[in-house]
């Protein structure tokens, strides 16, 4: 870099239009190091006509080096550019400016173009500061469905739990399926037990849920459902085909981790037992056996797990071992300890472990 203090700023600005690319790059660099507000508008104006990618990149580096409010204002204005390169560079620069860019971004949420408002949200999503939260508040009031969906996605990805109530309200009142889905997905990321009551208000039971949202409802049951709602899993497995079985067992296992050894009905336990006898993959059966051990009763569950120790399939034996350990029945744990002393299969012996 040359010493720009000895060169007139106006000369440098004029040099942005020189024919030689290297000269234009030098002029942009020197204006950046000069750091004067006077250089901001000429640099931005040059971007509109500059054909060289290298010069354009140098201009953005210069603008970033000029740490003044005028730069942030110009970058916020550039969010409505039809030139994707300019727009993306402006987004990146504003994100690197961090919280100081929040005011100019918030002002752009008043733009009549919903695409601009979405670009503002995308920019704010890359800034880790509470200063950008007013932007999300504005987006949650936006009348454009695409802006609102974008806001919901960002709130979920960033785990903005402060917006939980606002998301619940959207979920309850939305009429467009895409918006309902976006709010539902966000609740799965930032919701809690209170959100489950909201979900049940819209969809009281699994039979009320559209097919495309059923997997989310099942996941919410596992993550947020109350201990007394254990039989809802039975209803799902009984009423729906095997397409949701895997999601249901995953959710049931998370439910057990939250609520401990919950008792299930005889009918529910028998249904799960029959599922271990079907042509399901051995890995799925292993998980089922582990889940069976997570229940508090009926007592027949322990006897069934013990019988599975005699299976020839190694994965089924491993599943039975995990299930018995979770069940914690003293007589069965003693049996595992005895077995460990004579087991020759290294993987099975490791699974038997301390118990």
Protein backbone atom coordinates (compact mmCIF):
# COMPACT_ATOMS: atom_id res chain seq x y z
CA UNK A 1 0.00 0.00 0.00
CA UNK A 2 1.24 3.48 -0.87
CA UNK A 3 1.13 6.34 1.64
CA UNK A 4 -2.30 7.82 0.90
CA UNK A 5 -1.72 10.71 3.30
CA UNK A 6 0.43 12.34 0.63
CA UNK A 7 -2.13 11.91 -2.11
CA UNK A 8 -5.22 14.03 -2.52
CA UNK A 9 -8.46 12.11 -1.79
CA UNK A 10 -10.07 13.58 -4.88
CA UNK A 11 -7.22 12.25 -7.00
CA UNK A 12 -7.73 8.79 -5.57
CA UNK A 13 -11.44 9.01 -6.28
CA UNK A 14 -10.70 10.03 -9.86
CA UNK A 15 -8.27 7.11 -10.20
CA UNK A 16 -11.15 4.64 -9.57
CA UNK A 17 -12.08 5.24 -13.21
CA UNK A 18 -8.61 4.69 -14.72
CA UNK A 19 -8.32 2.19 -17.55
CA UNK A 20 -5.69 0.03 -15.88
CA UNK A 21 -7.14 -2.51 -13.42
CA UNK A 22 -4.11 -2.36 -11.12
CA UNK A 23 -4.45 1.41 -10.85
CA UNK A 24 -8.09 1.09 -9.86
CA UNK A 25 -7.18 -1.52 -7.25
CA UNK A 26 -4.48 0.76 -5.81
CA UNK A 27 -6.93 3.68 -5.65
CA UNK A 28 -9.54 1.60 -3.84
CA UNK A 29 -6.97 0.28 -1.36
CA UNK A 30 -5.65 3.76 -0.60
CA UNK A 31 -9.15 5.14 -0.08
CA UNK A 32 -9.82 2.34 2.35
CA UNK A 33 -6.70 3.11 4.37
CA UNK A 34 -7.51 6.81 4.28
CA UNK A 35 -10.68 5.95 6.19
CA UNK A 36 -12.54 9.11 5.30
CA UNK A 37 -16.31 9.36 4.95
CA UNK A 38 -15.72 11.33 1.76
CA UNK A 39 -14.62 8.13 0.04
CA UNK A 40 -17.69 6.04 0.82
CA UNK A 41 -20.12 7.30 -1.84
CA UNK A 42 -17.55 7.25 -4.71
CA UNK A 43 -16.53 3.68 -3.81
CA UNK A 44 -20.16 2.55 -3.74
CA UNK A 45 -20.90 4.38 -7.00
CA UNK A 46 -17.96 2.64 -8.66
CA UNK A 47 -19.42 -0.76 -7.75
CA UNK A 48 -22.39 -0.08 -10.03
CA UNK A 49 -20.20 0.18 -13.14
CA UNK A 50 -17.05 -1.77 -12.28
CA UNK A 51 -16.62 -4.92 -14.40
CA UNK A 52 -13.53 -6.37 -12.72
CA UNK A 53 -14.20 -8.89 -9.96
CA UNK A 54 -10.83 -8.12 -8.36
CA UNK A 55 -11.55 -4.40 -8.23
CA UNK A 56 -15.02 -5.01 -6.82
CA UNK A 57 -13.59 -7.22 -4.08
CA UNK A 58 -10.97 -4.57 -3.28
CA UNK A 59 -13.66 -1.90 -3.02
CA UNK A 60 -15.58 -3.98 -0.49
CA UNK A 61 -12.40 -4.52 1.53
CA UNK A 62 -11.85 -0.77 1.47
CA UNK A 63 -15.41 -0.07 2.58
CA UNK A 64 -15.06 -2.54 5.43
CA UNK A 65 -11.88 -0.82 6.51
CA UNK A 66 -13.70 2.53 6.62
CA UNK A 67 -15.49 1.98 9.92
CA UNK A 68 -18.12 4.70 9.61
CA UNK A 69 -21.95 4.75 9.78
CA UNK A 70 -22.13 5.82 6.13
CA UNK A 71 -20.74 2.44 5.08
CA UNK A 72 -23.38 0.49 7.01
CA UNK A 73 -26.12 2.68 5.54
CA UNK A 74 -24.88 2.08 1.99
CA UNK A 75 -24.60 -1.66 2.57
CA UNK A 76 -28.15 -1.80 3.91
CA UNK A 77 -29.34 0.06 0.80
CA UNK A 78 -27.50 -2.47 -1.35
CA UNK A 79 -29.65 -5.34 -0.03
CA UNK A 80 -32.16 -4.60 -2.78
CA UNK A 81 -29.56 -4.87 -5.54
CA UNK A 82 -30.34 -7.18 -8.45
CA UNK A 83 -26.64 -8.05 -8.56
CA UNK A 84 -26.23 -11.14 -6.38
CA UNK A 85 -22.50 -10.51 -5.91
CA UNK A 86 -23.06 -7.00 -4.59
CA UNK A 87 -25.92 -8.13 -2.38
CA UNK A 88 -24.00 -11.06 -0.90
CA UNK A 89 -20.94 -8.92 -0.26
CA UNK A 90 -23.13 -6.34 1.49
CA UNK A 91 -24.67 -9.04 3.66
CA UNK A 92 -21.26 -10.36 4.66
CA UNK A 93 -19.91 -6.90 5.46
CA UNK A 94 -22.92 -6.02 7.61
CA UNK A 95 -22.66 -9.32 9.47
CA UNK A 96 -19.00 -8.69 10.25
CA UNK A 97 -19.93 -5.25 11.58
CA UNK A 98 -22.07 -7.04 14.16
CA UNK A 99 -24.34 -5.16 16.53
CA UNK A 100 -23.45 -1.79 15.01
CA UNK A 101 -25.33 -2.84 11.85
CA UNK A 102 -28.58 -3.55 13.71
CA UNK A 103 -30.10 -0.05 13.47
CA UNK A 104 -29.73 0.25 9.69
CA UNK A 105 -31.07 -3.28 9.22
CA UNK A 106 -34.09 -2.57 11.39
CA UNK A 107 -34.83 0.53 9.30
CA UNK A 108 -34.90 -1.63 6.18
CA UNK A 109 -37.65 -3.80 7.66
CA UNK A 110 -39.98 -0.98 6.58
CA UNK A 111 -39.14 -1.60 2.92
CA UNK A 112 -42.24 -2.44 0.86
CA UNK A 113 -40.39 -5.23 -0.95
CA UNK A 114 -40.71 -8.52 1.00
CA UNK A 115 -37.56 -9.86 -0.66
CA UNK A 116 -35.58 -7.03 0.89
CA UNK A 117 -37.08 -7.80 4.29
CA UNK A 118 -36.04 -11.44 3.86
CA UNK A 119 -32.49 -10.38 3.02
CA UNK A 120 -32.50 -8.26 6.19
CA UNK A 121 -33.47 -11.36 8.18
CA UNK A 122 -30.76 -13.44 6.52
CA UNK A 123 -28.24 -10.76 7.45
CA UNK A 124 -29.45 -10.47 11.03
CA UNK A 125 -29.22 -14.25 11.40
CA UNK A 126 -25.46 -13.96 11.00
CA UNK A 127 -25.12 -11.45 13.85
CA UNK A 128 -24.83 -12.89 17.36
CA UNK A 129 -26.19 -10.01 19.37
CA UNK A 130 -29.43 -9.17 21.19
CA UNK A 131 -29.37 -5.91 19.24
CA UNK A 132 -30.89 -7.71 16.23
CA UNK A 133 -33.90 -9.06 18.14
CA UNK A 134 -36.10 -6.04 17.26
CA UNK A 135 -35.65 -7.17 13.65
CA UNK A 136 -37.17 -10.55 14.51
CA UNK A 137 -39.97 -8.82 16.40
CA UNK A 138 -40.78 -6.81 13.27
CA UNK A 139 -40.63 -9.94 11.13
CA UNK A 140 -43.06 -11.78 13.41
CA UNK A 141 -45.58 -9.01 12.71
CA UNK A 142 -44.96 -9.10 8.96
CA UNK A 143 -47.97 -9.69 6.72
CA UNK A 144 -45.94 -11.50 4.05
CA UNK A 145 -46.00 -15.26 4.64
CA UNK A 146 -42.52 -15.81 3.20
CA UNK A 147 -40.98 -13.22 5.50
CA UNK A 148 -42.75 -14.77 8.47
CA UNK A 149 -41.63 -18.27 7.53
CA UNK A 150 -38.04 -17.04 7.18
CA UNK A 151 -38.26 -15.45 10.62
CA UNK A 152 -39.57 -18.70 12.13
CA UNK A 153 -36.77 -20.70 10.56
CA UNK A 154 -34.10 -18.35 11.90
CA UNK A 155 -35.66 -18.27 15.38
CA UNK A 156 -35.59 -22.05 15.52
CA UNK A 157 -32.07 -22.44 14.18
CA UNK A 158 -30.76 -19.89 16.69
CA UNK A 159 -32.82 -21.28 19.58
CA UNK A 160 -34.42 -17.90 20.32
CA UNK A 161 -36.58 -19.17 23.18
CA UNK A 162 -37.71 -15.65 24.07
CA UNK A 163 -39.97 -15.80 21.02
CA UNK A 164 -41.70 -19.03 22.07
CA UNK A 165 -45.04 -17.38 22.89
CA UNK A 166 -45.08 -15.51 19.58
CA UNK A 167 -44.36 -18.74 17.70
CA UNK A 168 -47.11 -20.55 19.60
CA UNK A 169 -49.56 -17.82 18.62
CA UNK A 170 -48.64 -18.21 14.96
CA UNK A 171 -49.04 -21.98 15.25
CA UNK A 172 -52.53 -21.66 16.74
CA UNK A 173 -53.87 -19.02 14.36
CA UNK A 174 -52.18 -19.72 11.03
CA UNK A 175 -54.37 -20.99 8.20
CA UNK A 176 -51.75 -21.59 5.51
CA UNK A 177 -50.28 -25.14 5.79
CA UNK A 178 -46.74 -23.93 5.04
CA UNK A 179 -46.91 -21.40 7.86
CA UNK A 180 -48.33 -23.97 10.29
CA UNK A 181 -45.50 -26.34 9.40
CA UNK A 182 -42.86 -23.64 9.88
CA UNK A 183 -44.24 -22.72 13.30
CA UNK A 184 -44.49 -26.40 14.29
CA UNK A 185 -40.87 -27.03 13.29
CA UNK A 186 -39.75 -24.00 15.29
CA UNK A 187 -41.64 -25.14 18.39
CA UNK A 188 -39.78 -28.44 18.24
CA UNK A 189 -36.56 -26.43 18.51
CA UNK A 190 -37.47 -23.82 21.14
CA UNK A 191 -40.62 -25.22 22.78
CA UNK A 192 -41.24 -26.85 26.16
CA UNK A 193 -44.00 -28.63 28.07
CA UNK A 194 -46.14 -25.50 27.80
CA UNK A 195 -45.79 -25.68 24.03
CA UNK A 196 -47.18 -29.21 24.12
CA UNK A 197 -50.44 -27.86 25.50
CA UNK A 198 -50.50 -25.41 22.60
CA UNK A 199 -49.89 -28.24 20.14
CA UNK A 200 -52.68 -30.31 21.71
CA UNK A 201 -54.99 -27.33 21.43
CA UNK A 202 -54.64 -27.38 17.65
CA UNK A 203 -54.24 -31.15 17.33
CA UNK A 204 -55.82 -32.88 20.37
CA UNK A 205 -54.79 -36.36 19.22
CA UNK A 206 -52.74 -38.04 16.52
CA UNK A 207 -55.87 -38.69 14.46
CA UNK A 208 -56.37 -34.93 14.12
CA UNK A 209 -52.93 -34.30 12.63
CA UNK A 210 -52.39 -33.99 8.86
CA UNK A 211 -50.15 -36.78 7.59
CA UNK A 212 -47.33 -34.39 6.69
CA UNK A 213 -47.17 -33.14 10.31
CA UNK A 214 -47.68 -36.45 12.11
CA UNK A 215 -43.96 -37.11 12.52
CA UNK A 216 -43.58 -33.73 14.23
CA UNK A 217 -46.54 -34.41 16.54
CA UNK A 218 -45.00 -37.73 17.55
CA UNK A 219 -41.65 -36.07 18.20
CA UNK A 220 -43.35 -33.39 20.30
CA UNK A 221 -45.08 -36.11 22.33
CA UNK A 222 -41.68 -37.62 23.08
CA UNK A 223 -40.02 -34.30 23.89
CA UNK A 224 -42.84 -32.52 25.74
CA UNK A 225 -45.61 -35.03 26.55
CA UNK A 226 -46.77 -35.67 30.11
CA UNK A 227 -46.14 -38.99 31.88
CA UNK A 228 -49.88 -39.75 31.90
CA UNK A 229 -49.98 -39.59 28.09
CA UNK A 230 -47.89 -42.73 27.58
CA UNK A 231 -50.78 -44.60 25.96
CA UNK A 232 -50.85 -42.07 23.11
CA UNK A 233 -47.89 -43.98 21.70
CA UNK A 234 -49.98 -47.14 21.74
CA UNK A 235 -52.77 -45.43 19.84
CA UNK A 236 -50.34 -44.24 17.19
CA UNK A 237 -48.76 -47.66 16.69
CA UNK A 238 -52.18 -49.32 16.64
CA UNK A 239 -53.82 -46.92 14.16
CA UNK A 240 -51.02 -46.07 11.73
CA UNK A 241 -48.98 -48.17 9.37
CA UNK A 242 -45.30 -48.96 9.77
CA UNK A 243 -44.23 -45.69 8.19
CA UNK A 244 -44.40 -43.93 11.57
CA UNK A 245 -43.21 -46.83 13.71
CA UNK A 246 -39.57 -45.75 13.70
CA UNK A 247 -40.44 -42.14 14.63
CA UNK A 248 -42.74 -43.42 17.37
CA UNK A 249 -40.14 -45.69 18.97
CA UNK A 250 -37.54 -42.90 18.85
CA UNK A 251 -39.98 -40.52 20.55
CA UNK A 252 -40.97 -43.17 23.08
CA UNK A 253 -37.35 -43.65 24.09
CA UNK A 254 -36.92 -39.89 24.64
CA UNK A 255 -40.19 -39.92 26.62
CA UNK A 256 -38.76 -42.62 28.91
CA UNK A 257 -35.58 -40.64 29.49
CA UNK A 258 -37.73 -37.74 30.71
CA UNK A 259 -40.23 -39.68 32.83
CA UNK A 260 -38.41 -42.80 33.98
CA UNK A 261 -40.03 -46.22 34.36
CA UNK A 262 -43.64 -45.49 33.43
CA UNK A 263 -46.10 -48.43 33.55
CA UNK A 264 -47.89 -49.31 30.33
CA UNK A 265 -51.06 -51.28 29.70
CA UNK A 266 -51.04 -54.98 28.94
CA UNK A 267 -52.27 -54.19 25.42
CA UNK A 268 -49.44 -51.77 24.76
CA UNK A 269 -46.76 -54.13 25.99
CA UNK A 270 -48.15 -56.99 23.90
CA UNK A 271 -48.17 -54.81 20.79
CA UNK A 272 -44.49 -53.94 21.32
CA UNK A 273 -43.67 -57.60 21.90
CA UNK A 274 -45.32 -58.54 18.62
CA UNK A 275 -43.28 -55.86 16.85
CA UNK A 276 -40.09 -57.64 17.98
CA UNK A 277 -41.38 -60.80 16.29
CA UNK A 278 -42.00 -59.26 12.89
CA UNK A 279 -39.64 -58.98 9.93
CA UNK A 280 -38.32 -55.61 11.14
CA UNK A 281 -34.58 -55.04 10.83
CA UNK A 282 -32.50 -56.43 13.68
CA UNK A 283 -31.29 -52.90 14.55
CA UNK A 284 -34.91 -51.79 15.03
CA UNK A 285 -35.62 -54.80 17.21
CA UNK A 286 -32.57 -53.99 19.33
CA UNK A 287 -34.02 -50.54 19.99
CA UNK A 288 -37.42 -52.04 20.80
CA UNK A 289 -35.91 -54.37 23.36
CA UNK A 290 -34.05 -51.47 24.94
CA UNK A 291 -37.30 -49.50 25.08
CA UNK A 292 -39.14 -52.41 26.69
CA UNK A 293 -36.62 -52.33 29.53
CA UNK A 294 -37.47 -48.68 30.13
CA UNK A 295 -41.01 -49.44 31.33
CA UNK A 296 -41.99 -49.97 34.93
CA UNK A 297 -44.36 -52.81 34.12
CA UNK A 298 -46.08 -55.16 33.47
CA UNK A 299 -43.74 -57.72 35.12
CA UNK A 300 -43.94 -60.00 32.08
CA UNK A 301 -41.62 -57.62 30.23
CA UNK A 302 -38.63 -58.81 32.26
CA UNK A 303 -39.39 -62.46 31.57
CA UNK A 304 -39.65 -61.77 27.87
CA UNK A 305 -36.32 -59.95 27.81
CA UNK A 306 -34.73 -62.89 29.62
CA UNK A 307 -36.05 -65.25 26.94
CA UNK A 308 -34.45 -63.12 24.24
CA UNK A 309 -31.03 -63.84 25.73
CA UNK A 310 -31.28 -67.28 24.09
CA UNK A 311 -31.66 -65.86 20.58
CA UNK A 312 -29.04 -66.75 18.00
CA UNK A 313 -29.04 -63.24 16.55
CA UNK A 314 -26.31 -61.25 18.29
CA UNK A 315 -28.14 -57.91 17.93
CA UNK A 316 -31.23 -59.34 19.62
CA UNK A 317 -29.11 -60.62 22.51
CA UNK A 318 -27.46 -57.21 22.78
CA UNK A 319 -30.89 -55.58 22.81
CA UNK A 320 -32.08 -57.92 25.55
CA UNK A 321 -28.99 -57.12 27.63
CA UNK A 322 -29.59 -53.37 27.29
CA UNK A 323 -33.26 -53.83 28.11
CA UNK A 324 -32.55 -55.85 31.24
CA UNK A 325 -30.01 -53.31 32.45
CA UNK A 326 -32.56 -50.54 32.03
CA UNK A 327 -35.23 -52.58 33.74
CA UNK A 328 -32.97 -53.15 36.73
CA UNK A 329 -34.70 -56.32 38.02
CA UNK A 330 -32.27 -57.86 40.56
CA UNK A 331 -32.74 -61.51 39.53
CA UNK A 332 -32.14 -60.72 35.88
CA UNK A 333 -29.10 -58.59 36.64
CA UNK A 334 -27.67 -61.50 38.61
CA UNK A 335 -28.20 -63.70 35.57
CA UNK A 336 -26.25 -61.27 33.43
CA UNK A 337 -23.36 -61.32 35.90
CA UNK A 338 -23.25 -65.12 35.79
CA UNK A 339 -23.34 -65.09 32.00
CA UNK A 340 -20.47 -62.61 31.83
CA UNK A 341 -18.16 -65.10 33.55
CA UNK A 342 -18.54 -67.64 30.76
CA UNK A 343 -19.20 -65.51 27.67
CA UNK A 344 -16.58 -65.91 24.92
CA UNK A 345 -17.96 -63.38 22.43
CA UNK A 346 -15.98 -60.17 23.09
CA UNK A 347 -18.80 -57.82 22.01
CA UNK A 348 -21.40 -59.60 24.12
CA UNK A 349 -19.00 -59.70 27.10
CA UNK A 350 -18.43 -55.96 26.80
CA UNK A 351 -22.18 -55.33 26.68
CA UNK A 352 -22.69 -57.42 29.80
CA UNK A 353 -20.21 -55.13 31.59
CA UNK A 354 -20.82 -53.97 35.18
CA UNK A 355 -24.43 -54.63 36.21
